Amino acid sequence: MPSASVLLPLWGYLALVSVPLAVIDLRERRLPDRLVLPGYGFAAVSLARDAAERAGPPAGALAAAVLSLAAMLLLNIAGGAGLGDVKLAGVLGAGLGLLGWSALALGAALAFVSAGVAAAVLLVVRGTPARGARIAFGPSLLAGFWGAPLLTAS
């Protein structure tokens, strides 16, 4: 487990913006760059601190960020995610990557499961959706991000 000095910059920032991001995405179906993009700066600080502590490059966390971003970009190209989701996935991937590959995999799984549950609830409550209807995916990404470390903590 990385030290608090490694996790605090990125995780602290995400703690501050997670609720506003989720609320905005639910209301407006968008994740504002002014809240998402600074996360990359905080991720860079956390990755640099991780590299200093390990005396080597933070390859795992950086790879996790790139993989998360690339996977979400593929979903965007397929029409299943917005660009805000793509940008947010990179930041969250870096944060979970600091904890390891299992945390990243669990976070992704939780995100898709929570989105599926949200879609099912909306179907029951609202009935058949209009053609092209979408749900906000940002809250599910954030739920996966915060749920993964809670479920893997020992």
Protein backbone atom coordinates (compact mmCIF):
# COMPACT_ATOMS: atom_id res chain seq x y z
CA MET A 1 0.00 0.00 0.00
CA PRO A 2 1.45 3.38 -0.96
CA SER A 3 2.05 5.94 1.75
CA ALA A 4 -0.32 8.80 2.49
CA SER A 5 2.10 11.23 0.84
CA VAL A 6 1.63 9.32 -2.43
CA LEU A 7 -2.14 9.00 -2.27
CA LEU A 8 -3.08 12.34 -0.71
CA PRO A 9 -2.68 14.68 -3.69
CA LEU A 10 -4.86 12.73 -6.11
CA TRP A 11 -7.19 11.05 -3.64
CA GLY A 12 -7.69 14.29 -1.72
CA TYR A 13 -8.60 16.12 -4.91
CA LEU A 14 -11.00 13.37 -5.94
CA ALA A 15 -12.61 13.45 -2.50
CA LEU A 16 -13.35 17.15 -3.07
CA VAL A 17 -14.78 16.83 -6.58
CA SER A 18 -16.53 13.43 -6.56
CA VAL A 19 -19.89 14.61 -5.24
CA PRO A 20 -20.04 17.73 -7.43
CA LEU A 21 -19.07 15.66 -10.49
CA ALA A 22 -21.74 13.06 -9.77
CA VAL A 23 -24.44 15.69 -9.21
CA ILE A 24 -23.55 17.63 -12.36
CA ASP A 25 -23.45 14.46 -14.45
CA LEU A 26 -26.83 13.31 -13.13
CA ARG A 27 -28.41 16.72 -13.81
CA GLU A 28 -26.68 17.74 -17.04
CA ARG A 29 -25.15 14.54 -18.47
CA ARG A 30 -21.70 16.09 -18.58
CA LEU A 31 -18.49 16.08 -16.55
CA PRO A 32 -16.98 19.57 -16.66
CA ASP A 33 -13.33 19.84 -17.71
CA ARG A 34 -12.77 22.44 -14.99
CA LEU A 35 -13.30 19.70 -12.40
CA VAL A 36 -11.87 16.68 -14.25
CA LEU A 37 -8.72 17.99 -15.93
CA PRO A 38 -6.97 19.28 -12.77
CA GLY A 39 -7.06 15.66 -11.63
CA TYR A 40 -4.31 14.91 -14.14
CA GLY A 41 -2.03 17.39 -12.38
CA PHE A 42 -2.76 15.81 -9.02
CA ALA A 43 -2.23 12.37 -10.58
CA ALA A 44 1.18 13.52 -11.85
CA VAL A 45 2.14 14.63 -8.33
CA SER A 46 1.01 11.31 -6.84
CA LEU A 47 2.85 9.34 -9.52
CA ALA A 48 6.02 11.39 -8.98
CA ARG A 49 5.84 10.78 -5.22
CA ASP A 50 5.29 7.08 -5.86
CA ALA A 51 8.35 7.01 -8.12
CA ALA A 52 10.43 8.78 -5.47
CA GLU A 53 9.35 6.32 -2.76
CA ARG A 54 10.01 3.28 -4.91
CA ALA A 55 13.16 4.75 -6.46
CA GLY A 56 11.81 3.78 -9.85
CA PRO A 57 9.14 4.72 -12.36
CA PRO A 58 5.46 4.36 -11.38
CA ALA A 59 4.91 2.07 -14.35
CA GLY A 60 1.91 0.21 -12.91
CA ALA A 61 -0.12 3.27 -12.01
CA LEU A 62 0.76 5.02 -15.26
CA ALA A 63 -0.17 1.93 -17.27
CA ALA A 64 -3.44 1.68 -15.33
CA ALA A 65 -4.28 5.29 -16.21
CA VAL A 66 -3.51 4.74 -19.91
CA LEU A 67 -5.44 1.45 -20.00
CA SER A 68 -8.47 3.05 -18.31
CA LEU A 69 -8.40 5.99 -20.68
CA ALA A 70 -7.99 3.74 -23.74
CA ALA A 71 -10.78 1.36 -22.71
CA MET A 72 -13.17 4.24 -22.12
CA LEU A 73 -12.13 5.84 -25.42
CA LEU A 74 -13.12 2.61 -27.18
CA LEU A 75 -16.50 2.80 -25.46
CA ASN A 76 -16.79 6.41 -26.60
CA ILE A 77 -16.04 5.46 -30.19
CA ALA A 78 -18.67 2.72 -29.94
CA GLY A 79 -21.17 5.29 -28.68
CA GLY A 80 -21.38 4.02 -25.10
CA ALA A 81 -19.56 6.74 -23.16
CA GLY A 82 -19.04 10.48 -23.35
CA LEU A 83 -15.72 12.29 -23.59
CA GLY A 84 -16.09 13.41 -19.97
CA ASP A 85 -16.23 9.76 -18.96
CA VAL A 86 -13.07 9.11 -20.99
CA LYS A 87 -11.17 11.92 -19.26
CA LEU A 88 -12.42 10.93 -15.81
CA ALA A 89 -11.47 7.28 -16.39
CA GLY A 90 -7.82 8.24 -16.91
CA VAL A 91 -7.67 10.09 -13.60
CA LEU A 92 -9.47 7.34 -11.71
CA GLY A 93 -7.29 4.70 -13.36
CA ALA A 94 -4.18 6.42 -12.05
CA GLY A 95 -5.65 6.54 -8.55
CA LEU A 96 -6.60 2.88 -8.51
CA GLY A 97 -3.38 1.93 -10.28
CA LEU A 98 -1.47 3.20 -7.26
CA LEU A 99 -3.21 0.45 -5.29
CA GLY A 100 -2.53 -2.26 -7.87
CA TRP A 101 -4.11 -4.11 -10.75
CA SER A 102 -6.69 -5.89 -8.62
CA ALA A 103 -8.03 -2.56 -7.36
CA LEU A 104 -8.26 -1.30 -10.95
CA ALA A 105 -10.12 -4.42 -12.11
CA LEU A 106 -12.50 -4.31 -9.15
CA GLY A 107 -13.14 -0.59 -9.66
CA ALA A 108 -14.01 -1.16 -13.32
CA ALA A 109 -16.27 -4.10 -12.48
CA LEU A 110 -18.06 -2.10 -9.78
CA ALA A 111 -18.56 0.80 -12.19
CA PHE A 112 -20.25 -1.38 -14.80
CA VAL A 113 -22.32 -3.28 -12.23
CA SER A 114 -23.55 -0.06 -10.61
CA ALA A 115 -24.40 1.38 -14.05
CA GLY A 116 -26.36 -1.78 -14.82
CA VAL A 117 -28.24 -1.54 -11.55
CA ALA A 118 -28.99 2.14 -12.19
CA ALA A 119 -30.29 1.30 -15.67
CA ALA A 120 -32.48 -1.49 -14.29
CA VAL A 121 -33.94 0.79 -11.62
CA LEU A 122 -34.69 3.45 -14.24
CA LEU A 123 -36.43 0.84 -16.39
CA VAL A 124 -38.63 -0.20 -13.48
CA VAL A 125 -39.39 3.36 -12.39
CA ARG A 126 -39.76 5.05 -15.78
CA GLY A 127 -40.67 2.17 -18.06
CA THR A 128 -39.29 1.75 -21.56
CA PRO A 129 -36.75 4.46 -22.30
CA ALA A 130 -36.98 6.75 -25.31
CA ARG A 131 -34.80 5.81 -28.27
CA GLY A 132 -31.26 7.01 -27.66
CA ALA A 133 -31.81 7.59 -23.92
CA ARG A 134 -28.61 7.58 -21.88
CA ILE A 135 -27.73 7.34 -18.23
CA ALA A 136 -24.97 9.31 -16.54
CA PHE A 137 -21.92 7.04 -16.26
CA GLY A 138 -19.74 9.38 -14.17
CA PRO A 139 -21.45 8.49 -10.87
CA SER A 140 -20.89 4.80 -11.61
CA LEU A 141 -17.21 5.40 -12.41
CA LEU A 142 -16.85 7.27 -9.13
CA ALA A 143 -18.71 4.55 -7.21
CA GLY A 144 -16.32 1.96 -8.61
CA PHE A 145 -13.34 4.13 -7.71
CA TRP A 146 -14.40 4.60 -4.09
CA GLY A 147 -15.84 1.10 -3.68
CA ALA A 148 -12.77 -0.85 -4.81
CA PRO A 149 -10.45 0.17 -1.95
CA LEU A 150 -13.25 -0.30 0.58
CA LEU A 151 -13.80 -3.87 -0.61
CA THR A 152 -10.10 -4.73 -0.80
CA ALA A 153 -9.04 -3.11 2.50
CA SER A 154 -7.75 -5.63 4.99
